[in-house]
Amino acid sequence: MFKQFQTLINGNEGYLISSLSIFVLFFVLVGLFIFLMKKEEVQYMSELPLNDKES
């Protein structure tokens, strides 16, 4: 499958590598953000749909 992409984009491997690295970097940063969140903040956000006091 990847060989087909390489033959279609002959000479432009930089685009493949940069797009993959941006994709991986984004999900690593989101994972770190979620992992480093305080438990109180996670608890508050998990209860947001249930605590509808304005209605």
PDB file of N, CA and C in Angstrom:
ATOM      1  N   MET A   1       0.820  -1.184   0.000  1.00  0.00           N
ATOM      2  CA  MET A   1       0.000   0.000   0.000  1.00  0.00           C
ATOM      3  C   MET A   1       0.869   1.257   0.000  1.00  0.00           C
ATOM      4  N   PHE A   2       1.905   1.289   0.840  1.00  0.00           N
ATOM      5  CA  PHE A   2       2.758   2.465   0.914  1.00  0.00           C
ATOM      6  C   PHE A   2       3.598   2.623  -0.346  1.00  0.00           C
ATOM      7  N   LYS A   3       3.898   1.519  -1.020  1.00  0.00           N
ATOM      8  CA  LYS A   3       4.675   1.617  -2.257  1.00  0.00           C
ATOM      9  C   LYS A   3       3.874   2.327  -3.343  1.00  0.00           C
ATOM     10  N   GLN A   4       2.561   2.149  -3.328  1.00  0.00           N
ATOM     11  CA  GLN A   4       1.711   2.851  -4.290  1.00  0.00           C
ATOM     12  C   GLN A   4       1.779   4.359  -4.061  1.00  0.00           C
ATOM     13  N   PHE A   5       1.751   4.777  -2.791  1.00  0.00           N
ATOM     14  CA  PHE A   5       1.850   6.199  -2.488  1.00  0.00           C
ATOM     15  C   PHE A   5       3.206   6.758  -2.905  1.00  0.00           C
ATOM     16  N   GLN A   6       4.246   5.974  -2.701  1.00  0.00           N
ATOM     17  CA  GLN A   6       5.585   6.446  -3.053  1.00  0.00           C
ATOM     18  C   GLN A   6       5.732   6.604  -4.557  1.00  0.00           C
ATOM     19  N   THR A   7       5.121   5.725  -5.326  1.00  0.00           N
ATOM     20  CA  THR A   7       5.235   5.860  -6.770  1.00  0.00           C
ATOM     21  C   THR A   7       4.370   7.010  -7.295  1.00  0.00           C
ATOM     22  N   LEU A   8       3.249   7.288  -6.620  1.00  0.00           N
ATOM     23  CA  LEU A   8       2.397   8.401  -7.038  1.00  0.00           C
ATOM     24  C   LEU A   8       3.030   9.747  -6.717  1.00  0.00           C
ATOM     25  N   ILE A   9       3.782   9.810  -5.629  1.00  0.00           N
ATOM     26  CA  ILE A   9       4.366  11.069  -5.178  1.00  0.00           C
ATOM     27  C   ILE A   9       5.882  10.984  -5.325  1.00  0.00           C
ATOM     28  N   ASN A  10       6.344  10.639  -6.460  1.00  0.00           N
ATOM     29  CA  ASN A  10       7.771  10.451  -6.698  1.00  0.00           C
ATOM     30  C   ASN A  10       8.542  11.746  -6.432  1.00  0.00           C
ATOM     31  N   GLY A  11       9.468  11.702  -5.486  1.00  0.00           N
ATOM     32  CA  GLY A  11      10.303  12.843  -5.167  1.00  0.00           C
ATOM     33  C   GLY A  11       9.749  13.756  -4.098  1.00  0.00           C
ATOM     34  N   ASN A  12       8.564  13.507  -3.610  1.00  0.00           N
ATOM     35  CA  ASN A  12       7.950  14.371  -2.595  1.00  0.00           C
ATOM     36  C   ASN A  12       7.712  13.622  -1.290  1.00  0.00           C
ATOM     37  N   GLU A  13       8.690  12.858  -0.856  1.00  0.00           N
ATOM     38  CA  GLU A  13       8.532  12.099   0.381  1.00  0.00           C
ATOM     39  C   GLU A  13       8.460  13.010   1.597  1.00  0.00           C
ATOM     40  N   GLY A  14       8.953  14.223   1.455  1.00  0.00           N
ATOM     41  CA  GLY A  14       8.909  15.177   2.564  1.00  0.00           C
ATOM     42  C   GLY A  14       7.492  15.489   2.993  1.00  0.00           C
ATOM     43  N   TYR A  15       6.570  15.556   2.028  1.00  0.00           N
ATOM     44  CA  TYR A  15       5.174  15.808   2.377  1.00  0.00           C
ATOM     45  C   TYR A  15       4.592  14.653   3.192  1.00  0.00           C
ATOM     46  N   LEU A  16       4.931  13.439   2.824  1.00  0.00           N
ATOM     47  CA  LEU A  16       4.436  12.287   3.574  1.00  0.00           C
ATOM     48  C   LEU A  16       4.980  12.277   4.993  1.00  0.00           C
ATOM     49  N   ILE A  17       6.271  12.523   5.118  1.00  0.00           N
ATOM     50  CA  ILE A  17       6.902  12.494   6.431  1.00  0.00           C
ATOM     51  C   ILE A  17       6.396  13.642   7.297  1.00  0.00           C
ATOM     52  N   SER A  18       6.277  14.837   6.726  1.00  0.00           N
ATOM     53  CA  SER A  18       5.823  15.981   7.523  1.00  0.00           C
ATOM     54  C   SER A  18       4.367  15.817   7.948  1.00  0.00           C
ATOM     55  N   SER A  19       3.509  15.318   7.073  1.00  0.00           N
ATOM     56  CA  SER A  19       2.111  15.136   7.463  1.00  0.00           C
ATOM     57  C   SER A  19       1.970  14.059   8.539  1.00  0.00           C
ATOM     58  N   LEU A  20       2.744  12.995   8.427  1.00  0.00           N
ATOM     59  CA  LEU A  20       2.704  11.955   9.457  1.00  0.00           C
ATOM     60  C   LEU A  20       3.235  12.482  10.782  1.00  0.00           C
ATOM     61  N   SER A  21       4.298  13.268  10.744  1.00  0.00           N
ATOM     62  CA  SER A  21       4.859  13.800  11.989  1.00  0.00           C
ATOM     63  C   SER A  21       3.915  14.801  12.635  1.00  0.00           C
ATOM     64  N   ILE A  22       3.211  15.624  11.852  1.00  0.00           N
ATOM     65  CA  ILE A  22       2.232  16.548  12.423  1.00  0.00           C
ATOM     66  C   ILE A  22       1.086  15.779  13.049  1.00  0.00           C
ATOM     67  N   PHE A  23       0.623  14.738  12.390  1.00  0.00           N
ATOM     68  CA  PHE A  23      -0.456  13.894  12.908  1.00  0.00           C
ATOM     69  C   PHE A  23      -0.053  13.257  14.239  1.00  0.00           C
ATOM     70  N   VAL A  24       1.116  12.668  14.289  1.00  0.00           N
ATOM     71  CA  VAL A  24       1.578  11.996  15.507  1.00  0.00           C
ATOM     72  C   VAL A  24       1.817  13.018  16.613  1.00  0.00           C
ATOM     73  N   LEU A  25       2.429  14.148  16.290  1.00  0.00           N
ATOM     74  CA  LEU A  25       2.706  15.182  17.281  1.00  0.00           C
ATOM     75  C   LEU A  25       1.415  15.709  17.896  1.00  0.00           C
ATOM     76  N   PHE A  26       0.392  15.919  17.073  1.00  0.00           N
ATOM     77  CA  PHE A  26      -0.884  16.406  17.585  1.00  0.00           C
ATOM     78  C   PHE A  26      -1.468  15.443  18.613  1.00  0.00           C
ATOM     79  N   PHE A  27      -1.507  14.155  18.296  1.00  0.00           N
ATOM     80  CA  PHE A  27      -2.111  13.198  19.216  1.00  0.00           C
ATOM     81  C   PHE A  27      -1.247  12.946  20.445  1.00  0.00           C
ATOM     82  N   VAL A  28       0.048  13.080  20.325  1.00  0.00           N
ATOM     83  CA  VAL A  28       0.911  12.967  21.506  1.00  0.00           C
ATOM     84  C   VAL A  28       0.661  14.150  22.435  1.00  0.00           C
ATOM     85  N   LEU A  29       0.560  15.354  21.877  1.00  0.00           N
ATOM     86  CA  LEU A  29       0.303  16.532  22.709  1.00  0.00           C
ATOM     87  C   LEU A  29      -1.068  16.473  23.375  1.00  0.00           C
ATOM     88  N   VAL A  30      -2.081  16.020  22.643  1.00  0.00           N
ATOM     89  CA  VAL A  30      -3.414  15.876  23.236  1.00  0.00           C
ATOM     90  C   VAL A  30      -3.386  14.819  24.341  1.00  0.00           C
ATOM     91  N   GLY A  31      -2.677  13.731  24.105  1.00  0.00           N
ATOM     92  CA  GLY A  31      -2.555  12.690  25.134  1.00  0.00           C
ATOM     93  C   GLY A  31      -1.855  13.198  26.373  1.00  0.00           C
ATOM     94  N   LEU A  32      -0.788  13.974  26.195  1.00  0.00           N
ATOM     95  CA  LEU A  32      -0.089  14.551  27.347  1.00  0.00           C
ATOM     96  C   LEU A  32      -0.980  15.546  28.085  1.00  0.00           C
ATOM     97  N   PHE A  33      -1.715  16.353  27.334  1.00  0.00           N
ATOM     98  CA  PHE A  33      -2.620  17.313  27.966  1.00  0.00           C
ATOM     99  C   PHE A  33      -3.647  16.598  28.833  1.00  0.00           C
ATOM    100  N   ILE A  34      -4.230  15.541  28.303  1.00  0.00           N
ATOM    101  CA  ILE A  34      -5.237  14.794  29.064  1.00  0.00           C
ATOM    102  C   ILE A  34      -4.604  14.090  30.252  1.00  0.00           C
ATOM    103  N   PHE A  35      -3.412  13.536  30.062  1.00  0.00           N
ATOM    104  CA  PHE A  35      -2.740  12.813  31.148  1.00  0.00           C
ATOM    105  C   PHE A  35      -2.349  13.749  32.284  1.00  0.00           C
ATOM    106  N   LEU A  36      -2.010  14.992  31.982  1.00  0.00           N
ATOM    107  CA  LEU A  36      -1.542  15.927  32.997  1.00  0.00           C
ATOM    108  C   LEU A  36      -2.653  16.797  33.600  1.00  0.00           C
ATOM    109  N   MET A  37      -3.889  16.583  33.178  1.00  0.00           N
ATOM    110  CA  MET A  37      -4.993  17.365  33.743  1.00  0.00           C
ATOM    111  C   MET A  37      -5.219  16.994  35.201  1.00  0.00           C
ATOM    112  N   LYS A  38      -5.677  17.972  35.963  1.00  0.00           N
ATOM    113  CA  LYS A  38      -5.992  17.704  37.365  1.00  0.00           C
ATOM    114  C   LYS A  38      -7.286  16.903  37.442  1.00  0.00           C
ATOM    115  N   LYS A  39      -7.369  16.046  38.429  1.00  0.00           N
ATOM    116  CA  LYS A  39      -8.543  15.186  38.570  1.00  0.00           C
ATOM    117  C   LYS A  39      -9.805  15.994  38.855  1.00  0.00           C
ATOM    118  N   GLU A  40      -9.665  17.122  39.552  1.00  0.00           N
ATOM    119  CA  GLU A  40     -10.829  17.959  39.828  1.00  0.00           C
ATOM    120  C   GLU A  40     -11.397  18.536  38.533  1.00  0.00           C
ATOM    121  N   GLU A  41     -10.522  18.921  37.616  1.00  0.00           N
ATOM    122  CA  GLU A  41     -10.973  19.474  36.348  1.00  0.00           C
ATOM    123  C   GLU A  41     -11.672  18.411  35.501  1.00  0.00           C
ATOM    124  N   VAL A  42     -11.146  17.193  35.525  1.00  0.00           N
ATOM    125  CA  VAL A  42     -11.777  16.100  34.788  1.00  0.00           C
ATOM    126  C   VAL A  42     -13.151  15.796  35.385  1.00  0.00           C
ATOM    127  N   GLN A  43     -13.237  15.792  36.702  1.00  0.00           N
ATOM    128  CA  GLN A  43     -14.519  15.530  37.366  1.00  0.00           C
ATOM    129  C   GLN A  43     -15.525  16.625  37.035  1.00  0.00           C
ATOM    130  N   TYR A  44     -15.088  17.878  37.041  1.00  0.00           N
ATOM    131  CA  TYR A  44     -15.969  18.996  36.709  1.00  0.00           C
ATOM    132  C   TYR A  44     -16.495  18.876  35.281  1.00  0.00           C
ATOM    133  N   MET A  45     -15.617  18.571  34.341  1.00  0.00           N
ATOM    134  CA  MET A  45     -16.050  18.460  32.948  1.00  0.00           C
ATOM    135  C   MET A  45     -16.933  17.248  32.719  1.00  0.00           C
ATOM    136  N   SER A  46     -16.716  16.179  33.465  1.00  0.00           N
ATOM    137  CA  SER A  46     -17.548  14.992  33.268  1.00  0.00           C
ATOM    138  C   SER A  46     -18.962  15.205  33.791  1.00  0.00           C
ATOM    139  N   GLU A  47     -19.128  16.133  34.739  1.00  0.00           N
ATOM    140  CA  GLU A  47     -20.454  16.398  35.296  1.00  0.00           C
ATOM    141  C   GLU A  47     -21.162  17.566  34.617  1.00  0.00           C
ATOM    142  N   LEU A  48     -20.548  18.220  33.646  1.00  0.00           N
ATOM    143  CA  LEU A  48     -21.165  19.376  32.991  1.00  0.00           C
ATOM    144  C   LEU A  48     -22.523  19.058  32.364  1.00  0.00           C
ATOM    145  N   PRO A  49     -22.684  17.979  31.611  1.00  0.00           N
ATOM    146  CA  PRO A  49     -24.006  17.730  31.023  1.00  0.00           C
ATOM    147  C   PRO A  49     -25.084  17.422  32.071  1.00  0.00           C
ATOM    148  N   LEU A  50     -24.681  16.969  33.238  1.00  0.00           N
ATOM    149  CA  LEU A  50     -25.650  16.573  34.264  1.00  0.00           C
ATOM    150  C   LEU A  50     -26.057  17.740  35.152  1.00  0.00           C
ATOM    151  N   ASN A  51     -25.207  18.763  35.259  1.00  0.00           N
ATOM    152  CA  ASN A  51     -25.472  19.893  36.147  1.00  0.00           C
ATOM    153  C   ASN A  51     -26.031  21.069  35.358  1.00  0.00           C
ATOM    154  N   ASP A  52     -27.198  20.897  34.797  1.00  0.00           N
ATOM    155  CA  ASP A  52     -27.839  21.952  34.024  1.00  0.00           C
ATOM    156  C   ASP A  52     -28.762  22.744  34.957  1.00  0.00           C
ATOM    157  N   LYS A  53     -28.206  23.737  35.633  1.00  0.00           N
ATOM    158  CA  LYS A  53     -28.970  24.507  36.620  1.00  0.00           C
ATOM    159  C   LYS A  53     -29.679  25.703  36.010  1.00  0.00           C
ATOM    160  N   GLU A  54     -29.374  26.052  34.752  1.00  0.00           N
ATOM    161  CA  GLU A  54     -29.976  27.230  34.138  1.00  0.00           C
ATOM    162  C   GLU A  54     -31.388  26.958  33.630  1.00  0.00           C
ATOM    163  N   SER A  55     -31.777  25.712  33.402  1.00  0.00           N
ATOM    164  CA  SER A  55     -33.107  25.413  32.858  1.00  0.00           C
ATOM    165  C   SER A  55     -34.150  25.369  33.939  1.00  0.00           C
TER     166      SER A  55
END
